[in-house]
């Protein structure tokens, strides 16, 4: 999948409609997509939630 498809899928699956991350323009495998998704959720859990608490 290409960069635009990755961004659209992240918007949908993570329920972030205005997400516009900086992702390299290349073709991504499912494994690469899952790593990007995990990295984003880990970032949110580790940094954003800690600010809220």
C-alpha atoms as a PDB file:
ATOM      1  CA  UNK A   1       0.000   0.000   0.000  1.00  0.00           C
ATOM      2  CA  UNK A   2       1.235   3.500  -0.690  1.00  0.00           C
ATOM      3  CA  UNK A   3       1.640   6.493   1.641  1.00  0.00           C
ATOM      4  CA  UNK A   4      -1.888   7.823   1.087  1.00  0.00           C
ATOM      5  CA  UNK A   5      -3.456   4.423   1.721  1.00  0.00           C
ATOM      6  CA  UNK A   6      -1.488   4.069   4.970  1.00  0.00           C
ATOM      7  CA  UNK A   7      -2.653   7.481   6.178  1.00  0.00           C
ATOM      8  CA  UNK A   8      -6.290   6.785   5.287  1.00  0.00           C
ATOM      9  CA  UNK A   9      -6.190   3.398   6.995  1.00  0.00           C
ATOM     10  CA  UNK A  10      -4.640   4.900  10.151  1.00  0.00           C
ATOM     11  CA  UNK A  11      -7.318   7.601  10.211  1.00  0.00           C
ATOM     12  CA  UNK A  12     -10.018   4.969  10.072  1.00  0.00           C
ATOM     13  CA  UNK A  13      -8.570   2.315  12.376  1.00  0.00           C
ATOM     14  CA  UNK A  14      -7.287   4.703  15.044  1.00  0.00           C
ATOM     15  CA  UNK A  15     -10.311   6.993  14.719  1.00  0.00           C
ATOM     16  CA  UNK A  16      -8.172  10.084  14.092  1.00  0.00           C
ATOM     17  CA  UNK A  17      -9.993  11.824  11.215  1.00  0.00           C
ATOM     18  CA  UNK A  18      -7.542  14.733  10.951  1.00  0.00           C
ATOM     19  CA  UNK A  19      -4.358  12.642  11.129  1.00  0.00           C
ATOM     20  CA  UNK A  20      -1.739  13.865   8.677  1.00  0.00           C
ATOM     21  CA  UNK A  21       1.484  12.182   9.732  1.00  0.00           C
ATOM     22  CA  UNK A  22       4.786  12.538   7.961  1.00  0.00           C
ATOM     23  CA  UNK A  23       5.248   9.160   6.344  1.00  0.00           C
ATOM     24  CA  UNK A  24       7.839   8.381   3.704  1.00  0.00           C
ATOM     25  CA  UNK A  25       6.565   8.040   0.145  1.00  0.00           C
ATOM     26  CA  UNK A  26       7.070   4.354  -0.640  1.00  0.00           C
ATOM     27  CA  UNK A  27       5.089   1.120  -0.787  1.00  0.00           C
ATOM     28  CA  UNK A  28       4.407  -0.462   2.599  1.00  0.00           C
ATOM     29  CA  UNK A  29       3.859  -4.106   3.464  1.00  0.00           C
ATOM     30  CA  UNK A  30       1.256  -5.166   6.013  1.00  0.00           C
ATOM     31  CA  UNK A  31       4.050  -5.736   8.546  1.00  0.00           C
ATOM     32  CA  UNK A  32       5.392  -2.214   8.045  1.00  0.00           C
ATOM     33  CA  UNK A  33       1.895  -0.805   8.412  1.00  0.00           C
ATOM     34  CA  UNK A  34       1.337  -2.709  11.654  1.00  0.00           C
ATOM     35  CA  UNK A  35       4.652  -1.374  13.016  1.00  0.00           C
ATOM     36  CA  UNK A  36       3.671   2.218  12.177  1.00  0.00           C
ATOM     37  CA  UNK A  37       0.296   1.689  13.832  1.00  0.00           C
ATOM     38  CA  UNK A  38       1.896   0.166  16.945  1.00  0.00           C
ATOM     39  CA  UNK A  39       4.451   2.981  17.151  1.00  0.00           C
ATOM     40  CA  UNK A  40       1.656   5.577  17.019  1.00  0.00           C
ATOM     41  CA  UNK A  41      -0.423   3.870  19.692  1.00  0.00           C
ATOM     42  CA  UNK A  42       2.664   3.413  21.901  1.00  0.00           C
ATOM     43  CA  UNK A  43       3.533   7.091  21.479  1.00  0.00           C
ATOM     44  CA  UNK A  44       0.013   8.073  22.465  1.00  0.00           C
ATOM     45  CA  UNK A  45      -0.007   5.777  25.490  1.00  0.00           C
ATOM     46  CA  UNK A  46       3.465   6.766  26.688  1.00  0.00           C
ATOM     47  CA  UNK A  47       3.451  10.509  26.075  1.00  0.00           C
ATOM     48  CA  UNK A  48       0.019  11.948  25.428  1.00  0.00           C
ATOM     49  CA  UNK A  49      -1.828  10.043  28.161  1.00  0.00           C
ATOM     50  CA  UNK A  50       0.899  10.845  30.681  1.00  0.00           C
ATOM     51  CA  UNK A  51       0.314  14.548  30.089  1.00  0.00           C
ATOM     52  CA  UNK A  52      -3.400  14.106  30.728  1.00  0.00           C
ATOM     53  CA  UNK A  53      -2.760  12.432  34.085  1.00  0.00           C
END
